[in-house]
Amino acid sequence: MAQNTTKQQSSTNIPEIFTIEGETDIEQDEFTFIWTVRHYSVLSELETCISSPVFRGGPKYNHAWRIEMRPKNIVEEVQHMSLFLSLVECGKGTYSKEKMVKANRQFAILTANGKPTNVTGDRPGPTATIREYKLTGNSKWGFQKFITSADLINPENKFVVDDTLKIQCNIWICGELKEKVGNIKERPNGNTSVENRITMARHHVVIDIGKMFKESIRTDVTIKTNNRIFRAHKAILMTRSSVFAAMFAVDMLENEVNIVEITDFDDDIVEGMLEHLYSGETDYMNERVQELLQIAEKYNLAGLKEGCEYQLVDNLNKENAAANLILANNYNAPYLKEKAVEFICKNKGELLKSQTFCEAMKAQTNTSIFADLFFYHQSVRAQTLNLGSGTLNLGSGTLNLGSGTLNLGS
């Protein structure tokens, strides 16, 4: 971020030097599909190829895919199970007009405890091979020798449990090129203040740590959501969150299998939490800030929670004041609660005419929340609170709550 500090003139009149940072990247739409094959012993006797249901992903391009399995494929005189991935339909994106998608893929078998094993294929990286999946020409990519039949059905391996086999397929779709030019940033040349040099150094540390998450560098734990998988680092999670620290205690299941399942939040919210956890920022802060506040409360992420509160306070208005007061009360956000109460009291005249505000006030579960308005500032004239009779008076002028009255002053 550009610094607005005043630059001191050098006694030797060294010309100021500036650097403009440019960046080129490619979008990668990542998603995971889990295929459960039941009665595998029966299906494996079929001579034909077994196909998965057609599935769509990822969230941005929404292509349609299918996995094909050959349970008994003889390769080099050894019986194997073969797996292939094929493109069924093109969604949108750079290559859609060409009826072709470029992607990496990776197959794995999920054991009884949900741990991926026999992982085969390429994750994005320097040595990975990007495949072209086309709608024409029977384009399939996979593995003739994914696993030997003997290893697959060996009960010691626990790959087939209760005659059920689970196949996990991770796909990374190459999307559109992204280009970005950064802010002008002063290059250290003798005129840069100590404070600026420290700020710049910290900025580079944040970028490098964020890269560990974005590029999955040396990860040691998997975060599974309803539709996606994220790779992370226990040390980072434990340092930033007391909840994760407790989760990775020696005798906890998450510590044994190195998998954390988060299914009560959308994929984007989990991604936003992890982005902020590593870098202190996330692009989801504007559109999904309420949900980010909730996940920050659940995992005790003070920095993310504070950022959400500031974002919500900066955007307080007459349409969302009541909802934000309820949100602050339910998820322990004292700063947001204070500012929401202040905003409501300052705009009480107009808010009492708002249907959205009045309906929120009428809800029985919200009665105690809005009672906090009674205690705001000494300028409130009437100070009677009788919730037993359904009456809450905070001044002159009334709001009918069905069985009682709410007064927010004149």
Protein backbone atom coordinates (compact mmCIF):
# COMPACT_ATOMS: atom_id res chain seq x y z
CA MET A 1 0.00 0.00 0.00
CA ALA A 2 1.36 3.43 -0.87
CA GLN A 3 2.62 5.48 2.06
CA ASN A 4 1.46 9.11 2.39
CA THR A 5 4.35 10.16 4.58
CA THR A 6 6.38 13.29 3.78
CA LYS A 7 9.75 12.46 2.28
CA GLN A 8 12.80 14.30 3.62
CA GLN A 9 15.16 15.90 1.07
CA SER A 10 18.63 14.32 0.88
CA SER A 11 21.61 16.60 1.38
CA THR A 12 23.22 15.04 -1.70
CA ASN A 13 20.08 15.59 -3.84
CA ILE A 14 19.73 11.88 -4.70
CA PRO A 15 16.77 11.58 -7.08
CA GLU A 16 13.81 9.73 -5.65
CA ILE A 17 13.30 6.23 -7.04
CA PHE A 18 9.93 4.55 -7.29
CA THR A 19 8.85 1.01 -8.11
CA ILE A 20 5.58 -0.03 -9.73
CA GLU A 21 4.71 -3.65 -9.07
CA GLY A 22 2.93 -5.68 -11.73
CA GLU A 23 1.52 -9.19 -11.35
CA THR A 24 0.26 -11.79 -13.79
CA ASP A 25 -1.61 -14.84 -12.54
CA ILE A 26 -4.16 -17.35 -13.75
CA GLU A 27 -7.41 -18.14 -12.04
CA GLN A 28 -7.76 -21.66 -10.69
CA ASP A 29 -11.22 -22.97 -9.94
CA GLU A 30 -10.71 -25.79 -7.43
CA PHE A 31 -13.32 -28.26 -6.23
CA THR A 32 -13.67 -31.82 -4.94
CA PHE A 33 -16.10 -34.56 -5.93
CA ILE A 34 -16.61 -37.66 -3.78
CA TRP A 35 -18.12 -40.70 -5.51
CA THR A 36 -19.61 -43.41 -3.30
CA VAL A 37 -19.83 -46.81 -5.00
CA ARG A 38 -22.07 -49.23 -3.09
CA HIS A 39 -22.23 -53.02 -3.56
CA TYR A 40 -18.78 -52.85 -5.10
CA SER A 41 -18.39 -56.64 -5.09
CA VAL A 42 -21.35 -56.93 -7.47
CA LEU A 43 -20.40 -54.00 -9.70
CA SER A 44 -16.82 -55.18 -9.97
CA GLU A 45 -17.98 -58.37 -11.69
CA LEU A 46 -19.52 -56.40 -14.55
CA GLU A 47 -17.56 -56.43 -17.75
CA THR A 48 -18.62 -52.91 -18.68
CA CYS A 49 -17.26 -49.57 -17.55
CA ILE A 50 -18.97 -48.01 -14.52
CA SER A 51 -19.70 -44.28 -14.74
CA SER A 52 -20.31 -41.82 -11.93
CA PRO A 53 -23.23 -39.42 -11.94
CA VAL A 54 -22.49 -36.25 -13.90
CA PHE A 55 -21.28 -33.54 -11.53
CA ARG A 56 -20.64 -29.84 -12.02
CA GLY A 57 -17.78 -27.70 -10.78
CA GLY A 58 -16.16 -25.52 -9.87
CA PRO A 59 -18.21 -22.67 -8.52
CA LYS A 60 -17.09 -20.16 -11.19
CA TYR A 61 -17.10 -22.03 -14.50
CA ASN A 62 -19.58 -24.81 -13.74
CA HIS A 63 -18.35 -27.40 -16.25
CA ALA A 64 -19.93 -30.88 -16.22
CA TRP A 65 -17.69 -33.91 -15.53
CA ARG A 66 -17.89 -37.67 -15.13
CA ILE A 67 -15.59 -40.34 -13.68
CA GLU A 68 -15.31 -43.71 -15.40
CA MET A 69 -14.15 -46.82 -13.56
CA ARG A 70 -13.02 -50.15 -14.97
CA PRO A 71 -12.99 -52.52 -11.98
CA LYS A 72 -11.08 -55.32 -13.70
CA ASN A 73 -8.67 -53.96 -16.27
CA ILE A 74 -5.81 -56.33 -17.15
CA VAL A 75 -2.62 -54.33 -17.64
CA GLU A 76 0.70 -56.15 -18.10
CA GLU A 77 -0.95 -59.38 -16.97
CA VAL A 78 -2.03 -57.84 -13.65
CA GLN A 79 -5.62 -56.96 -12.80
CA HIS A 80 -6.11 -53.32 -11.89
CA MET A 81 -8.92 -50.89 -11.22
CA SER A 82 -8.65 -48.03 -13.73
CA LEU A 83 -10.01 -44.49 -13.25
CA PHE A 84 -10.55 -41.79 -15.86
CA LEU A 85 -11.99 -38.26 -15.84
CA SER A 86 -13.89 -36.91 -18.83
CA LEU A 87 -15.56 -33.63 -19.72
CA VAL A 88 -19.29 -33.91 -20.45
CA GLU A 89 -20.30 -30.29 -20.99
CA CYS A 90 -18.53 -26.94 -21.09
CA GLY A 91 -19.69 -24.18 -18.78
CA LYS A 92 -18.34 -20.68 -19.17
CA GLY A 93 -14.78 -19.46 -19.25
CA THR A 94 -11.78 -18.79 -21.45
CA TYR A 95 -11.80 -22.08 -23.35
CA SER A 96 -15.55 -22.71 -23.54
CA LYS A 97 -15.84 -21.58 -27.17
CA GLU A 98 -13.20 -24.15 -28.10
CA LYS A 99 -15.17 -26.88 -26.28
CA MET A 100 -12.10 -27.59 -24.23
CA VAL A 101 -11.05 -27.19 -20.59
CA LYS A 102 -7.51 -27.18 -19.19
CA ALA A 103 -7.20 -28.73 -15.75
CA ASN A 104 -5.19 -30.77 -13.27
CA ARG A 105 -6.80 -33.74 -11.54
CA GLN A 106 -6.01 -36.02 -8.66
CA PHE A 107 -7.70 -39.25 -7.58
CA ALA A 108 -7.66 -40.85 -4.13
CA ILE A 109 -9.46 -43.55 -2.16
CA LEU A 110 -11.10 -42.46 1.10
CA THR A 111 -10.54 -44.86 3.98
CA ALA A 112 -13.13 -45.59 6.66
CA ASN A 113 -12.02 -42.54 8.68
CA GLY A 114 -12.20 -40.25 5.64
CA LYS A 115 -8.45 -40.04 5.05
CA PRO A 116 -7.36 -39.84 1.38
CA THR A 117 -4.95 -42.62 0.41
CA ASN A 118 -3.40 -43.99 -2.79
CA VAL A 119 -3.36 -40.37 -3.98
CA THR A 120 -2.54 -40.33 -7.70
CA GLY A 121 -2.29 -37.39 -10.08
CA ASP A 122 -0.96 -33.85 -10.30
CA ARG A 123 -1.66 -30.91 -8.06
CA PRO A 124 -0.84 -27.55 -9.68
CA GLY A 125 2.89 -26.98 -9.39
CA PRO A 126 6.19 -26.69 -11.28
CA THR A 127 6.27 -30.38 -12.22
CA ALA A 128 2.55 -30.85 -12.87
CA THR A 129 1.18 -31.58 -16.34
CA ILE A 130 -1.95 -29.64 -17.30
CA ARG A 131 -4.35 -31.78 -19.33
CA GLU A 132 -6.75 -30.66 -22.05
CA TYR A 133 -10.24 -32.11 -21.72
CA LYS A 134 -12.25 -31.87 -24.94
CA LEU A 135 -15.86 -32.64 -25.79
CA THR A 136 -14.78 -34.23 -29.07
CA GLY A 137 -12.43 -37.12 -29.70
CA ASN A 138 -13.31 -39.13 -26.57
CA SER A 139 -10.84 -37.10 -24.49
CA LYS A 140 -10.19 -38.82 -21.16
CA TRP A 141 -7.33 -38.57 -18.73
CA GLY A 142 -6.71 -40.99 -15.92
CA PHE A 143 -4.82 -44.04 -14.80
CA GLN A 144 -4.90 -47.53 -16.29
CA LYS A 145 -3.09 -48.84 -13.19
CA PHE A 146 -4.70 -46.76 -10.47
CA ILE A 147 -4.56 -49.66 -7.98
CA THR A 148 -4.26 -53.41 -8.25
CA SER A 149 -7.46 -55.33 -7.56
CA ALA A 150 -5.64 -57.35 -4.92
CA ASP A 151 -4.63 -54.25 -2.95
CA LEU A 152 -8.08 -52.72 -3.33
CA ILE A 153 -10.00 -55.61 -1.80
CA ASN A 154 -7.36 -56.49 0.82
CA PRO A 155 -9.28 -56.12 4.13
CA GLU A 156 -6.15 -54.90 5.92
CA ASN A 157 -6.13 -51.79 3.74
CA LYS A 158 -9.76 -50.94 4.60
CA PHE A 159 -10.36 -49.44 1.16
CA VAL A 160 -13.67 -51.27 0.67
CA VAL A 161 -15.72 -51.12 3.88
CA ASP A 162 -19.19 -52.70 4.13
CA ASP A 163 -18.91 -53.38 0.40
CA THR A 164 -18.66 -49.62 -0.21
CA LEU A 165 -15.86 -47.80 -2.02
CA LYS A 166 -15.35 -44.01 -1.90
CA ILE A 167 -13.39 -42.26 -4.64
CA GLN A 168 -12.26 -38.66 -4.19
CA CYS A 169 -11.45 -36.53 -7.22
CA ASN A 170 -9.81 -33.10 -6.85
CA ILE A 171 -9.92 -30.86 -9.93
CA TRP A 172 -8.11 -27.58 -10.54
CA ILE A 173 -9.48 -25.76 -13.59
CA CYS A 174 -7.28 -23.21 -15.36
CA GLY A 175 -9.30 -20.06 -15.85
CA GLU A 176 -8.68 -16.58 -17.14
CA LEU A 177 -5.44 -14.65 -16.92
CA LYS A 178 -5.39 -11.98 -14.23
CA GLU A 179 -3.18 -8.92 -14.41
CA LYS A 180 -2.65 -6.34 -11.71
CA VAL A 181 -0.51 -3.26 -11.27
CA GLY A 182 0.24 -2.36 -7.67
CA ASN A 183 0.48 1.02 -6.04
CA ILE A 184 3.66 3.04 -6.43
CA LYS A 185 5.94 2.13 -3.59
CA GLU A 186 9.08 3.93 -2.47
CA ARG A 187 12.24 1.91 -2.88
CA PRO A 188 14.66 2.24 0.08
CA ASN A 189 17.26 4.74 -1.07
CA GLY A 190 18.44 6.45 2.10
CA ASN A 191 15.43 8.77 2.35
CA THR A 192 13.00 6.13 3.65
CA SER A 193 12.13 6.52 7.31
CA VAL A 194 12.65 3.71 9.79
CA GLU A 195 8.90 3.45 10.26
CA ASN A 196 8.35 3.03 6.52
CA ARG A 197 11.05 0.39 6.23
CA ILE A 198 9.48 -1.58 9.09
CA THR A 199 6.03 -1.28 7.48
CA MET A 200 7.39 -2.47 4.13
CA ALA A 201 9.17 -5.42 5.75
CA ARG A 202 6.00 -6.47 7.56
CA HIS A 203 4.05 -6.16 4.33
CA HIS A 204 6.40 -8.60 2.58
CA VAL A 205 6.13 -11.05 5.50
CA VAL A 206 2.32 -10.99 5.19
CA ILE A 207 2.56 -11.60 1.43
CA ASP A 208 4.89 -14.56 1.93
CA ILE A 209 2.72 -16.15 4.63
CA GLY A 210 -0.35 -15.67 2.45
CA LYS A 211 1.49 -17.43 -0.37
CA MET A 212 1.89 -20.50 1.86
CA PHE A 213 -1.91 -20.87 1.85
CA LYS A 214 -2.58 -19.88 -1.77
CA GLU A 215 0.05 -22.25 -3.16
CA SER A 216 -0.39 -25.02 -0.54
CA ILE A 217 3.28 -24.97 0.40
CA ARG A 218 4.21 -27.78 2.81
CA THR A 219 0.69 -28.11 4.18
CA ASP A 220 -0.05 -30.67 6.89
CA VAL A 221 -3.80 -30.46 7.48
CA THR A 222 -6.92 -30.57 5.28
CA ILE A 223 -9.98 -28.38 5.80
CA LYS A 224 -13.06 -30.03 4.27
CA THR A 225 -16.24 -28.08 3.59
CA ASN A 226 -19.42 -29.26 1.90
CA ASN A 227 -17.97 -28.95 -1.61
CA ARG A 228 -14.31 -27.99 -1.35
CA ILE A 229 -11.02 -28.93 0.23
CA PHE A 230 -8.42 -26.44 1.50
CA ARG A 231 -4.85 -27.21 2.52
CA ALA A 232 -3.45 -25.45 5.58
CA HIS A 233 -0.79 -25.55 8.28
CA LYS A 234 -1.43 -26.65 11.85
CA ALA A 235 1.14 -24.23 13.26
CA ILE A 236 -0.56 -21.23 11.63
CA LEU A 237 -4.06 -22.32 12.66
CA MET A 238 -2.99 -23.02 16.25
CA THR A 239 -1.14 -19.72 16.56
CA ARG A 240 -4.07 -17.68 15.28
CA SER A 241 -6.95 -19.51 16.97
CA SER A 242 -7.29 -21.01 20.46
CA VAL A 243 -10.09 -23.20 19.10
CA PHE A 244 -7.82 -24.77 16.49
CA ALA A 245 -5.08 -25.06 19.12
CA ALA A 246 -7.40 -27.15 21.30
CA MET A 247 -8.57 -29.13 18.27
CA PHE A 248 -5.03 -30.22 17.46
CA ALA A 249 -4.33 -31.41 20.98
CA VAL A 250 -2.62 -34.78 21.11
CA ASP A 251 -5.71 -36.87 21.87
CA MET A 252 -8.11 -35.21 19.44
CA LEU A 253 -9.39 -36.95 16.29
CA GLU A 254 -8.45 -33.98 14.07
CA ASN A 255 -4.84 -34.31 15.17
CA GLU A 256 -4.78 -38.02 14.32
CA VAL A 257 -6.31 -37.84 10.82
CA ASN A 258 -5.14 -34.28 9.95
CA ILE A 259 -8.62 -33.43 8.66
CA VAL A 260 -10.99 -30.73 9.95
CA GLU A 261 -14.56 -30.76 8.66
CA ILE A 262 -16.44 -27.43 8.59
CA THR A 263 -19.91 -28.01 7.16
CA ASP A 264 -21.94 -25.34 8.96
CA PHE A 265 -20.58 -22.49 6.82
CA ASP A 266 -20.51 -21.96 3.05
CA ASP A 267 -17.31 -22.79 1.19
CA ASP A 268 -16.63 -19.11 0.49
CA ILE A 269 -16.88 -18.21 4.17
CA VAL A 270 -14.34 -20.86 5.16
CA GLU A 271 -12.05 -19.69 2.37
CA GLY A 272 -12.44 -16.08 3.53
CA MET A 273 -11.64 -17.08 7.11
CA LEU A 274 -8.47 -18.89 6.01
CA GLU A 275 -7.40 -16.03 3.74
CA HIS A 276 -7.73 -13.56 6.60
CA LEU A 277 -6.09 -15.94 9.02
CA TYR A 278 -2.97 -16.07 6.81
CA SER A 279 -2.85 -12.54 5.38
CA GLY A 280 -5.11 -10.32 7.46
CA GLU A 281 -7.46 -9.62 4.55
CA THR A 282 -10.05 -11.28 2.35
CA ASP A 283 -12.07 -10.26 -0.70
CA TYR A 284 -15.23 -11.61 0.97
CA MET A 285 -15.21 -8.85 3.61
CA ASN A 286 -17.59 -6.61 1.66
CA GLU A 287 -20.31 -9.05 0.57
CA ARG A 288 -20.19 -11.75 3.28
CA VAL A 289 -19.14 -9.78 6.35
CA GLN A 290 -22.03 -10.96 8.58
CA GLU A 291 -21.12 -14.61 8.04
CA LEU A 292 -17.42 -13.89 8.50
CA LEU A 293 -18.25 -12.36 11.88
CA GLN A 294 -20.07 -15.55 12.85
CA ILE A 295 -17.20 -17.86 11.89
CA ALA A 296 -14.74 -15.51 13.62
CA GLU A 297 -16.73 -15.87 16.83
CA LYS A 298 -16.87 -19.66 16.52
CA TYR A 299 -13.12 -20.05 16.03
CA ASN A 300 -12.09 -17.14 18.28
CA LEU A 301 -10.36 -15.11 15.56
CA ALA A 302 -10.01 -11.69 17.18
CA GLY A 303 -8.46 -9.97 14.15
CA LEU A 304 -11.13 -11.12 11.72
CA LYS A 305 -13.88 -10.30 14.18
CA GLU A 306 -12.55 -6.80 14.75
CA GLY A 307 -12.28 -6.22 10.99
CA CYS A 308 -15.88 -7.38 10.51
CA GLU A 309 -17.12 -5.03 13.24
CA TYR A 310 -15.38 -2.04 11.68
CA GLN A 311 -16.75 -2.95 8.24
CA LEU A 312 -20.31 -3.24 9.56
CA VAL A 313 -20.08 0.00 11.56
CA ASP A 314 -18.77 1.86 8.51
CA ASN A 315 -21.84 0.73 6.57
CA LEU A 316 -24.54 1.21 9.22
CA ASN A 317 -27.75 2.59 7.78
CA LYS A 318 -31.45 2.71 8.56
CA GLU A 319 -32.15 -0.52 6.70
CA ASN A 320 -29.59 -2.67 8.49
CA ALA A 321 -29.34 -1.06 11.95
CA ALA A 322 -31.73 -3.50 13.64
CA ALA A 323 -30.17 -6.56 11.99
CA ASN A 324 -26.69 -5.42 12.99
CA LEU A 325 -27.76 -4.86 16.60
CA ILE A 326 -29.17 -8.40 16.73
CA LEU A 327 -26.02 -9.77 15.05
CA ALA A 328 -23.78 -7.96 17.54
CA ASN A 329 -25.73 -9.30 20.49
CA ASN A 330 -25.81 -12.88 19.23
CA TYR A 331 -22.13 -13.05 18.33
CA ASN A 332 -20.56 -11.02 21.12
CA ALA A 333 -19.48 -7.95 19.11
CA PRO A 334 -19.38 -5.10 21.67
CA TYR A 335 -18.10 -2.35 19.37
CA LEU A 336 -20.73 -3.05 16.72
CA LYS A 337 -23.41 -3.21 19.41
CA GLU A 338 -22.40 0.14 20.90
CA LYS A 339 -22.41 1.87 17.51
CA ALA A 340 -25.69 0.26 16.43
CA VAL A 341 -27.40 1.44 19.62
CA GLU A 342 -25.94 4.92 19.11
CA PHE A 343 -27.12 5.00 15.49
CA ILE A 344 -30.64 3.84 16.36
CA CYS A 345 -31.06 6.41 19.10
CA LYS A 346 -29.84 9.23 16.87
CA ASN A 347 -32.22 8.21 14.08
CA LYS A 348 -35.17 7.04 16.17
CA GLY A 349 -37.71 9.29 14.50
CA GLU A 350 -37.23 7.81 11.05
CA LEU A 351 -36.58 4.27 12.25
CA LEU A 352 -39.91 4.10 14.08
CA LYS A 353 -41.56 4.64 10.68
CA SER A 354 -39.60 1.78 9.09
CA GLN A 355 -41.47 -1.50 8.71
CA THR A 356 -38.22 -3.51 8.72
CA PHE A 357 -37.09 -1.95 11.98
CA CYS A 358 -40.47 -2.32 13.68
CA GLU A 359 -40.82 -5.98 12.70
CA ALA A 360 -37.37 -6.71 14.12
CA MET A 361 -38.35 -4.98 17.36
CA LYS A 362 -41.59 -6.94 17.66
CA ALA A 363 -39.90 -10.35 17.61
CA GLN A 364 -40.12 -11.83 21.10
CA THR A 365 -36.55 -13.16 20.88
CA ASN A 366 -35.28 -9.63 20.30
CA THR A 367 -37.00 -7.89 23.23
CA SER A 368 -34.02 -8.10 25.56
CA ILE A 369 -31.65 -6.98 22.80
CA PHE A 370 -33.51 -3.76 22.15
CA ALA A 371 -33.82 -3.15 25.89
CA ASP A 372 -30.18 -1.99 25.66
CA LEU A 373 -31.51 1.12 23.93
CA PHE A 374 -32.96 2.11 27.30
CA PHE A 375 -29.51 2.54 28.79
CA TYR A 376 -28.02 4.65 26.00
CA HIS A 377 -26.80 8.09 27.12
CA GLN A 378 -28.27 10.20 29.91
CA SER A 379 -30.24 12.23 27.38
CA VAL A 380 -33.02 9.65 27.41
CA ARG A 381 -35.76 11.28 29.48
CA ALA A 382 -38.16 8.60 30.65
CA GLN A 383 -36.52 5.66 32.40
CA THR A 384 -39.17 3.03 33.02
CA LEU A 385 -38.65 -0.56 32.04
CA ASN A 386 -41.42 -3.04 32.71
CA LEU A 387 -40.99 -6.07 30.48
CA GLY A 388 -43.39 -8.08 32.62
CA SER A 389 -46.31 -5.99 31.45
CA GLY A 390 -44.83 -5.67 27.94
CA THR A 391 -43.97 -1.98 28.32
CA LEU A 392 -40.62 -0.40 27.43
CA ASN A 393 -40.52 3.41 27.68
CA LEU A 394 -37.47 5.43 26.63
CA GLY A 395 -38.91 8.92 26.13
CA SER A 396 -41.86 10.32 24.27
CA GLY A 397 -43.39 8.88 21.10
CA THR A 398 -44.40 5.21 20.98
CA LEU A 399 -44.01 2.02 19.01
CA ASN A 400 -46.74 -0.58 19.49
CA LEU A 401 -45.19 -4.01 20.15
CA GLY A 402 -48.50 -5.79 20.27
CA SER A 403 -48.93 -6.00 24.07
CA GLY A 404 -46.67 -3.10 25.02
CA THR A 405 -44.97 0.13 24.13
CA LEU A 406 -41.47 1.19 23.09
CA ASN A 407 -40.50 4.84 23.44
CA LEU A 408 -37.19 6.12 22.07
CA GLY A 409 -37.54 9.78 23.02
CA SER A 410 -38.76 12.79 21.17
